[in-house]
PDB file of all heavy atoms in Angstrom:
ATOM      1  N   THR A   1     127.365 -17.835 112.249  1.00  0.00           N
ATOM      2  CA  THR A   1     128.595 -17.938 112.834  1.00  0.00           C
ATOM      3  C   THR A   1     128.383 -18.993 113.930  1.00  0.00           C
ATOM      4  O   THR A   1     129.244 -19.953 114.033  1.00  0.00           O
ATOM      5  CB  THR A   1     128.951 -16.596 113.526  1.00  0.00           C
ATOM      6  OG1 THR A   1     129.289 -15.752 112.413  1.00  0.00           O
ATOM      7  CG2 THR A   1     130.326 -16.906 114.269  1.00  0.00           C
ATOM      8  N   PHE A   2     127.388 -19.018 114.683  1.00  0.00           N
ATOM      9  CA  PHE A   2     126.986 -20.048 115.661  1.00  0.00           C
ATOM     10  C   PHE A   2     126.897 -21.413 115.021  1.00  0.00           C
ATOM     11  O   PHE A   2     127.611 -22.424 115.527  1.00  0.00           O
ATOM     12  CB  PHE A   2     125.623 -19.749 116.395  1.00  0.00           C
ATOM     13  CG  PHE A   2     125.321 -20.693 117.423  1.00  0.00           C
ATOM     14  CD1 PHE A   2     125.958 -20.617 118.622  1.00  0.00           C
ATOM     15  CD2 PHE A   2     124.395 -21.705 117.224  1.00  0.00           C
ATOM     16  CE1 PHE A   2     125.714 -21.579 119.585  1.00  0.00           C
ATOM     17  CE2 PHE A   2     124.016 -22.584 118.174  1.00  0.00           C
ATOM     18  CZ  PHE A   2     124.681 -22.639 119.488  1.00  0.00           C
ATOM     19  N   VAL A   3     126.293 -21.572 113.925  1.00  0.00           N
ATOM     20  CA  VAL A   3     126.262 -22.873 113.179  1.00  0.00           C
ATOM     21  C   VAL A   3     127.591 -23.293 112.774  1.00  0.00           C
ATOM     22  O   VAL A   3     128.020 -24.452 112.898  1.00  0.00           O
ATOM     23  CB  VAL A   3     125.284 -22.741 111.985  1.00  0.00           C
ATOM     24  CG1 VAL A   3     125.435 -23.991 111.091  1.00  0.00           C
ATOM     25  CG2 VAL A   3     123.847 -22.675 112.428  1.00  0.00           C
ATOM     26  N   SER A   4     128.426 -22.338 112.199  1.00  0.00           N
ATOM     27  CA  SER A   4     129.780 -22.660 111.891  1.00  0.00           C
ATOM     28  C   SER A   4     130.635 -23.138 113.095  1.00  0.00           C
ATOM     29  O   SER A   4     131.394 -24.113 112.924  1.00  0.00           O
ATOM     30  CB  SER A   4     130.468 -21.384 111.286  1.00  0.00           C
ATOM     31  OG  SER A   4     129.942 -21.126 109.988  1.00  0.00           O
ATOM     32  N   LEU A   5     130.462 -22.500 114.123  1.00  0.00           N
ATOM     33  CA  LEU A   5     131.305 -22.844 115.393  1.00  0.00           C
ATOM     34  C   LEU A   5     130.768 -24.379 115.774  1.00  0.00           C
ATOM     35  O   LEU A   5     131.625 -25.176 116.107  1.00  0.00           O
ATOM     36  CB  LEU A   5     130.979 -21.950 116.445  1.00  0.00           C
ATOM     37  CG  LEU A   5     131.851 -20.630 116.406  1.00  0.00           C
ATOM     38  CD1 LEU A   5     131.271 -19.624 117.387  1.00  0.00           C
ATOM     39  CD2 LEU A   5     133.265 -20.877 116.692  1.00  0.00           C
ATOM     40  N   CYS A   6     129.559 -24.670 115.745  1.00  0.00           N
ATOM     41  CA  CYS A   6     129.019 -25.946 116.156  1.00  0.00           C
ATOM     42  C   CYS A   6     129.507 -27.025 115.266  1.00  0.00           C
ATOM     43  O   CYS A   6     130.053 -28.066 115.680  1.00  0.00           O
ATOM     44  CB  CYS A   6     127.523 -26.045 116.088  1.00  0.00           C
ATOM     45  SG  CYS A   6     126.665 -25.193 117.486  1.00  0.00           S
ATOM     46  N   ARG A   7     129.576 -26.712 113.901  1.00  0.00           N
ATOM     47  CA  ARG A   7     130.101 -27.584 112.837  1.00  0.00           C
ATOM     48  C   ARG A   7     131.504 -27.726 113.050  1.00  0.00           C
ATOM     49  O   ARG A   7     132.025 -28.992 113.010  1.00  0.00           O
ATOM     50  CB  ARG A   7     129.643 -27.051 111.569  1.00  0.00           C
ATOM     51  CG  ARG A   7     130.093 -28.037 110.364  1.00  0.00           C
ATOM     52  CD  ARG A   7     129.671 -27.408 109.059  1.00  0.00           C
ATOM     53  NE  ARG A   7     130.319 -26.134 108.736  1.00  0.00           N
ATOM     54  CZ  ARG A   7     129.638 -24.925 108.429  1.00  0.00           C
ATOM     55  NH1 ARG A   7     128.366 -24.979 108.375  1.00  0.00           N
ATOM     56  NH2 ARG A   7     130.359 -23.916 108.232  1.00  0.00           N
ATOM     57  N   GLU A   8     132.342 -26.799 113.182  1.00  0.00           N
ATOM     58  CA  GLU A   8     133.821 -26.871 113.235  1.00  0.00           C
ATOM     59  C   GLU A   8     134.255 -27.591 114.498  1.00  0.00           C
ATOM     60  O   GLU A   8     135.242 -28.299 114.630  1.00  0.00           O
ATOM     61  CB  GLU A   8     134.442 -25.596 112.938  1.00  0.00           C
ATOM     62  CG  GLU A   8     134.261 -24.987 111.671  1.00  0.00           C
ATOM     63  CD  GLU A   8     134.676 -25.794 110.457  1.00  0.00           C
ATOM     64  OE1 GLU A   8     135.748 -26.515 110.656  1.00  0.00           O
ATOM     65  OE2 GLU A   8     134.146 -25.728 109.349  1.00  0.00           O
ATOM     66  N   LEU A   9     133.553 -27.249 115.616  1.00  0.00           N
ATOM     67  CA  LEU A   9     133.941 -27.875 116.862  1.00  0.00           C
ATOM     68  C   LEU A   9     133.342 -29.193 117.084  1.00  0.00           C
ATOM     69  O   LEU A   9     133.562 -29.863 118.129  1.00  0.00           O
ATOM     70  CB  LEU A   9     133.473 -26.919 118.011  1.00  0.00           C
ATOM     71  CG  LEU A   9     134.271 -25.656 118.012  1.00  0.00           C
ATOM     72  CD1 LEU A   9     133.715 -24.604 119.083  1.00  0.00           C
ATOM     73  CD2 LEU A   9     135.807 -25.785 118.306  1.00  0.00           C
ATOM     74  N   GLU A  10     132.534 -29.637 116.215  1.00  0.00           N
ATOM     75  CA  GLU A  10     131.845 -30.932 116.191  1.00  0.00           C
ATOM     76  C   GLU A  10     131.038 -31.107 117.488  1.00  0.00           C
ATOM     77  O   GLU A  10     131.201 -32.213 118.235  1.00  0.00           O
ATOM     78  CB  GLU A  10     132.789 -32.045 115.962  1.00  0.00           C
ATOM     79  CG  GLU A  10     133.493 -32.029 114.577  1.00  0.00           C
ATOM     80  CD  GLU A  10     134.481 -33.145 114.410  1.00  0.00           C
ATOM     81  OE1 GLU A  10     135.005 -33.641 115.368  1.00  0.00           O
ATOM     82  OE2 GLU A  10     134.636 -33.569 113.204  1.00  0.00           O
ATOM     83  N   THR A  11     130.142 -30.219 117.735  1.00  0.00           N
ATOM     84  CA  THR A  11     129.375 -30.225 118.936  1.00  0.00           C
ATOM     85  C   THR A  11     127.987 -29.687 118.596  1.00  0.00           C
ATOM     86  O   THR A  11     127.671 -29.240 117.453  1.00  0.00           O
ATOM     87  CB  THR A  11     129.950 -29.324 120.031  1.00  0.00           C
ATOM     88  OG1 THR A  11     129.292 -29.608 121.257  1.00  0.00           O
ATOM     89  CG2 THR A  11     129.798 -27.821 119.790  1.00  0.00           C
ATOM     90  N   ASP A  12     126.971 -29.834 119.548  1.00  0.00           N
ATOM     91  CA  ASP A  12     125.652 -29.418 119.165  1.00  0.00           C
ATOM     92  C   ASP A  12     125.380 -28.081 119.925  1.00  0.00           C
ATOM     93  O   ASP A  12     126.121 -27.598 120.724  1.00  0.00           O
ATOM     94  CB  ASP A  12     124.595 -30.497 119.650  1.00  0.00           C
ATOM     95  CG  ASP A  12     124.532 -30.810 121.094  1.00  0.00           C
ATOM     96  OD1 ASP A  12     125.228 -30.147 121.856  1.00  0.00           O
ATOM     97  OD2 ASP A  12     123.880 -31.779 121.502  1.00  0.00           O
ATOM     98  N   ALA A  13     124.248 -27.508 119.573  1.00  0.00           N
ATOM     99  CA  ALA A  13     123.906 -26.279 120.058  1.00  0.00           C
ATOM    100  C   ALA A  13     123.811 -26.231 121.706  1.00  0.00           C
ATOM    101  O   ALA A  13     124.231 -25.321 122.286  1.00  0.00           O
ATOM    102  CB  ALA A  13     122.632 -25.737 119.494  1.00  0.00           C
ATOM    103  N   ASP A  14     123.217 -27.329 122.242  1.00  0.00           N
ATOM    104  CA  ASP A  14     123.101 -27.391 123.744  1.00  0.00           C
ATOM    105  C   ASP A  14     124.354 -27.280 124.473  1.00  0.00           C
ATOM    106  O   ASP A  14     124.542 -26.603 125.398  1.00  0.00           O
ATOM    107  CB  ASP A  14     122.329 -28.673 124.073  1.00  0.00           C
ATOM    108  CG  ASP A  14     120.870 -28.583 123.840  1.00  0.00           C
ATOM    109  OD1 ASP A  14     120.266 -27.561 123.665  1.00  0.00           O
ATOM    110  OD2 ASP A  14     120.306 -29.682 123.791  1.00  0.00           O
ATOM    111  N   ALA A  15     125.361 -27.896 123.859  1.00  0.00           N
ATOM    112  CA  ALA A  15     126.677 -27.926 124.500  1.00  0.00           C
ATOM    113  C   ALA A  15     127.230 -26.495 124.520  1.00  0.00           C
ATOM    114  O   ALA A  15     127.821 -26.081 125.658  1.00  0.00           O
ATOM    115  CB  ALA A  15     127.663 -28.887 123.766  1.00  0.00           C
ATOM    116  N   LEU A  16     127.129 -25.814 123.495  1.00  0.00           N
ATOM    117  CA  LEU A  16     127.636 -24.410 123.561  1.00  0.00           C
ATOM    118  C   LEU A  16     126.699 -23.358 124.262  1.00  0.00           C
ATOM    119  O   LEU A  16     127.214 -22.524 125.032  1.00  0.00           O
ATOM    120  CB  LEU A  16     127.822 -23.827 122.067  1.00  0.00           C
ATOM    121  CG  LEU A  16     128.907 -24.537 121.219  1.00  0.00           C
ATOM    122  CD1 LEU A  16     129.058 -23.712 119.985  1.00  0.00           C
ATOM    123  CD2 LEU A  16     130.271 -24.548 121.978  1.00  0.00           C
ATOM    124  N   LEU A  17     125.435 -23.537 124.158  1.00  0.00           N
ATOM    125  CA  LEU A  17     124.527 -22.637 124.735  1.00  0.00           C
ATOM    126  C   LEU A  17     124.394 -22.770 126.266  1.00  0.00           C
ATOM    127  O   LEU A  17     124.370 -21.858 127.080  1.00  0.00           O
ATOM    128  CB  LEU A  17     123.109 -22.639 124.088  1.00  0.00           C
ATOM    129  CG  LEU A  17     123.122 -22.182 122.654  1.00  0.00           C
ATOM    130  CD1 LEU A  17     121.545 -22.641 122.194  1.00  0.00           C
ATOM    131  CD2 LEU A  17     123.233 -20.846 122.535  1.00  0.00           C
ATOM    132  N   TRP A  18     124.256 -24.110 126.640  1.00  0.00           N
ATOM    133  CA  TRP A  18     123.920 -24.361 128.096  1.00  0.00           C
ATOM    134  C   TRP A  18     124.880 -25.206 128.791  1.00  0.00           C
ATOM    135  O   TRP A  18     124.716 -25.495 129.981  1.00  0.00           O
ATOM    136  CB  TRP A  18     122.515 -24.985 128.140  1.00  0.00           C
ATOM    137  CG  TRP A  18     121.482 -24.324 127.321  1.00  0.00           C
ATOM    138  CD1 TRP A  18     120.839 -24.866 126.140  1.00  0.00           C
ATOM    139  CD2 TRP A  18     120.948 -23.023 127.427  1.00  0.00           C
ATOM    140  NE1 TRP A  18     120.058 -23.929 125.669  1.00  0.00           N
ATOM    141  CE2 TRP A  18     120.079 -22.880 126.373  1.00  0.00           C
ATOM    142  CE3 TRP A  18     121.154 -21.977 128.312  1.00  0.00           C
ATOM    143  CZ2 TRP A  18     119.323 -21.614 126.264  1.00  0.00           C
ATOM    144  CZ3 TRP A  18     120.401 -20.810 128.297  1.00  0.00           C
ATOM    145  CH2 TRP A  18     119.561 -20.710 127.176  1.00  0.00           C
ATOM    146  N   GLY A  19     125.934 -25.703 128.143  1.00  0.00           N
ATOM    147  CA  GLY A  19     126.916 -26.597 128.766  1.00  0.00           C
ATOM    148  C   GLY A  19     126.386 -27.996 128.957  1.00  0.00           C
ATOM    149  O   GLY A  19     126.985 -28.734 129.653  1.00  0.00           O
ATOM    150  N   THR A  20     125.355 -28.408 128.249  1.00  0.00           N
ATOM    151  CA  THR A  20     124.866 -29.698 128.311  1.00  0.00           C
ATOM    152  C   THR A  20     125.371 -30.537 127.100  1.00  0.00           C
ATOM    153  O   THR A  20     124.908 -30.375 125.919  1.00  0.00           O
ATOM    154  CB  THR A  20     123.267 -29.834 128.284  1.00  0.00           C
ATOM    155  OG1 THR A  20     122.745 -28.840 129.248  1.00  0.00           O
ATOM    156  CG2 THR A  20     122.729 -31.133 128.476  1.00  0.00           C
ATOM    157  N   ALA A  21     126.254 -31.257 127.463  1.00  0.00           N
ATOM    158  CA  ALA A  21     127.044 -32.070 126.343  1.00  0.00           C
ATOM    159  C   ALA A  21     126.012 -33.241 125.876  1.00  0.00           C
ATOM    160  O   ALA A  21     125.521 -33.964 126.575  1.00  0.00           O
ATOM    161  CB  ALA A  21     128.338 -32.743 126.792  1.00  0.00           C
ATOM    162  N   GLN A  22     126.025 -33.378 124.537  1.00  0.00           N
ATOM    163  CA  GLN A  22     125.258 -34.396 123.931  1.00  0.00           C
ATOM    164  C   GLN A  22     126.177 -35.053 122.868  1.00  0.00           C
ATOM    165  O   GLN A  22     127.089 -34.251 122.322  1.00  0.00           O
ATOM    166  CB  GLN A  22     124.082 -33.778 123.031  1.00  0.00           C
ATOM    167  CG  GLN A  22     123.054 -32.919 123.946  1.00  0.00           C
ATOM    168  CD  GLN A  22     122.313 -33.869 124.870  1.00  0.00           C
ATOM    169  OE1 GLN A  22     122.003 -35.015 124.579  1.00  0.00           O
ATOM    170  NE2 GLN A  22     122.010 -33.390 126.115  1.00  0.00           N
ATOM    171  N   PRO A  23     126.085 -36.306 122.726  1.00  0.00           N
ATOM    172  CA  PRO A  23     127.076 -37.071 121.855  1.00  0.00           C
ATOM    173  C   PRO A  23     126.888 -36.391 120.379  1.00  0.00           C
ATOM    174  O   PRO A  23     125.724 -36.168 120.042  1.00  0.00           O
ATOM    175  CB  PRO A  23     126.731 -38.380 121.809  1.00  0.00           C
ATOM    176  CG  PRO A  23     125.490 -38.513 122.689  1.00  0.00           C
ATOM    177  CD  PRO A  23     125.230 -37.207 123.327  1.00  0.00           C
ATOM    178  N   PHE A  24     127.954 -36.185 119.665  1.00  0.00           N
ATOM    179  CA  PHE A  24     127.867 -35.605 118.360  1.00  0.00           C
ATOM    180  C   PHE A  24     127.607 -36.757 117.434  1.00  0.00           C
ATOM    181  O   PHE A  24     128.322 -37.694 117.271  1.00  0.00           O
ATOM    182  CB  PHE A  24     129.194 -34.881 117.909  1.00  0.00           C
ATOM    183  CG  PHE A  24     129.106 -34.182 116.590  1.00  0.00           C
ATOM    184  CD1 PHE A  24     128.260 -33.145 116.493  1.00  0.00           C
ATOM    185  CD2 PHE A  24     129.762 -34.812 115.540  1.00  0.00           C
ATOM    186  CE1 PHE A  24     128.143 -32.426 115.301  1.00  0.00           C
ATOM    187  CE2 PHE A  24     129.609 -34.145 114.345  1.00  0.00           C
ATOM    188  CZ  PHE A  24     128.803 -32.962 114.104  1.00  0.00           C
ATOM    189  N   GLY A  25     126.481 -36.757 116.829  1.00  0.00           N
ATOM    190  CA  GLY A  25     126.134 -37.831 115.820  1.00  0.00           C
ATOM    191  C   GLY A  25     124.640 -37.856 115.693  1.00  0.00           C
ATOM    192  O   GLY A  25     123.857 -36.842 116.013  1.00  0.00           O
ATOM    193  N   THR A  26     124.000 -38.856 114.942  1.00  0.00           N
ATOM    194  CA  THR A  26     122.785 -39.127 114.671  1.00  0.00           C
ATOM    195  C   THR A  26     122.017 -37.864 114.295  1.00  0.00           C
ATOM    196  O   THR A  26     122.438 -37.270 113.241  1.00  0.00           O
ATOM    197  CB  THR A  26     122.000 -39.773 115.843  1.00  0.00           C
ATOM    198  OG1 THR A  26     122.105 -39.109 116.944  1.00  0.00           O
ATOM    199  CG2 THR A  26     122.612 -41.194 115.983  1.00  0.00           C
ATOM    200  N   ALA A  27     121.142 -37.349 115.118  1.00  0.00           N
ATOM    201  CA  ALA A  27     120.300 -36.188 114.807  1.00  0.00           C
ATOM    202  C   ALA A  27     121.291 -34.929 114.656  1.00  0.00           C
ATOM    203  O   ALA A  27     121.043 -34.125 113.734  1.00  0.00           O
ATOM    204  CB  ALA A  27     119.181 -35.927 115.783  1.00  0.00           C
ATOM    205  N   ALA A  28     122.141 -34.770 115.540  1.00  0.00           N
ATOM    206  CA  ALA A  28     123.007 -33.589 115.591  1.00  0.00           C
ATOM    207  C   ALA A  28     123.884 -33.559 114.348  1.00  0.00           C
ATOM    208  O   ALA A  28     124.179 -32.469 113.647  1.00  0.00           O
ATOM    209  CB  ALA A  28     123.852 -33.631 116.770  1.00  0.00           C
ATOM    210  N   GLN A  29     124.326 -34.781 113.858  1.00  0.00           N
ATOM    211  CA  GLN A  29     125.149 -34.757 112.653  1.00  0.00           C
ATOM    212  C   GLN A  29     124.252 -34.325 111.514  1.00  0.00           C
ATOM    213  O   GLN A  29     124.823 -33.571 110.620  1.00  0.00           O
ATOM    214  CB  GLN A  29     125.559 -36.276 112.504  1.00  0.00           C
ATOM    215  CG  GLN A  29     126.482 -36.447 111.177  1.00  0.00           C
ATOM    216  CD  GLN A  29     127.840 -35.755 111.235  1.00  0.00           C
ATOM    217  OE1 GLN A  29     128.443 -35.587 112.305  1.00  0.00           O
ATOM    218  NE2 GLN A  29     128.195 -35.105 110.133  1.00  0.00           N
ATOM    219  N   GLY A  30     123.014 -34.735 111.493  1.00  0.00           N
ATOM    220  CA  GLY A  30     122.156 -34.305 110.328  1.00  0.00           C
ATOM    221  C   GLY A  30     122.033 -32.832 110.370  1.00  0.00           C
ATOM    222  O   GLY A  30     122.019 -32.155 109.247  1.00  0.00           O
ATOM    223  N   MET A  31     121.895 -32.200 111.521  1.00  0.00           N
ATOM    224  CA  MET A  31     121.711 -30.684 111.560  1.00  0.00           C
ATOM    225  C   MET A  31     123.005 -29.917 111.449  1.00  0.00           C
ATOM    226  O   MET A  31     123.015 -28.988 110.761  1.00  0.00           O
ATOM    227  CB  MET A  31     121.109 -30.293 113.020  1.00  0.00           C
ATOM    228  CG  MET A  31     119.660 -30.829 113.087  1.00  0.00           C
ATOM    229  SD  MET A  31     118.853 -30.207 114.550  1.00  0.00           S
ATOM    230  CE  MET A  31     119.764 -31.052 115.840  1.00  0.00           C
ATOM    231  N   TRP A  32     123.988 -30.412 112.082  1.00  0.00           N
ATOM    232  CA  TRP A  32     125.250 -29.637 112.102  1.00  0.00           C
ATOM    233  C   TRP A  32     126.333 -30.130 111.318  1.00  0.00           C
ATOM    234  O   TRP A  32     127.523 -29.667 111.275  1.00  0.00           O
ATOM    235  CB  TRP A  32     125.797 -29.526 113.657  1.00  0.00           C
ATOM    236  CG  TRP A  32     124.731 -28.945 114.492  1.00  0.00           C
ATOM    237  CD1 TRP A  32     124.135 -29.605 115.549  1.00  0.00           C
ATOM    238  CD2 TRP A  32     124.321 -27.586 114.448  1.00  0.00           C
ATOM    239  NE1 TRP A  32     123.217 -28.708 116.109  1.00  0.00           N
ATOM    240  CE2 TRP A  32     123.259 -27.492 115.558  1.00  0.00           C
ATOM    241  CE3 TRP A  32     124.444 -26.420 113.774  1.00  0.00           C
ATOM    242  CZ2 TRP A  32     122.631 -26.296 115.867  1.00  0.00           C
ATOM    243  CZ3 TRP A  32     123.830 -25.333 114.035  1.00  0.00           C
ATOM    244  CH2 TRP A  32     122.905 -25.251 115.181  1.00  0.00           C
ATOM    245  N   GLY A  33     126.119 -31.289 110.531  1.00  0.00           N
ATOM    246  CA  GLY A  33     127.140 -31.754 109.677  1.00  0.00           C
ATOM    247  C   GLY A  33     127.756 -30.777 108.768  1.00  0.00           C
ATOM    248  O   GLY A  33     127.283 -29.758 108.502  1.00  0.00           O
TER     249      GLY A  33
END
């Protein structure tokens, strides 16, 4: 469910877990695409 939320919200885990926004793309796109 966590992965689905990251994917649908187009965000990375750090942004949801800790509030540290990272740009969605490059490595995050590969993991959460």
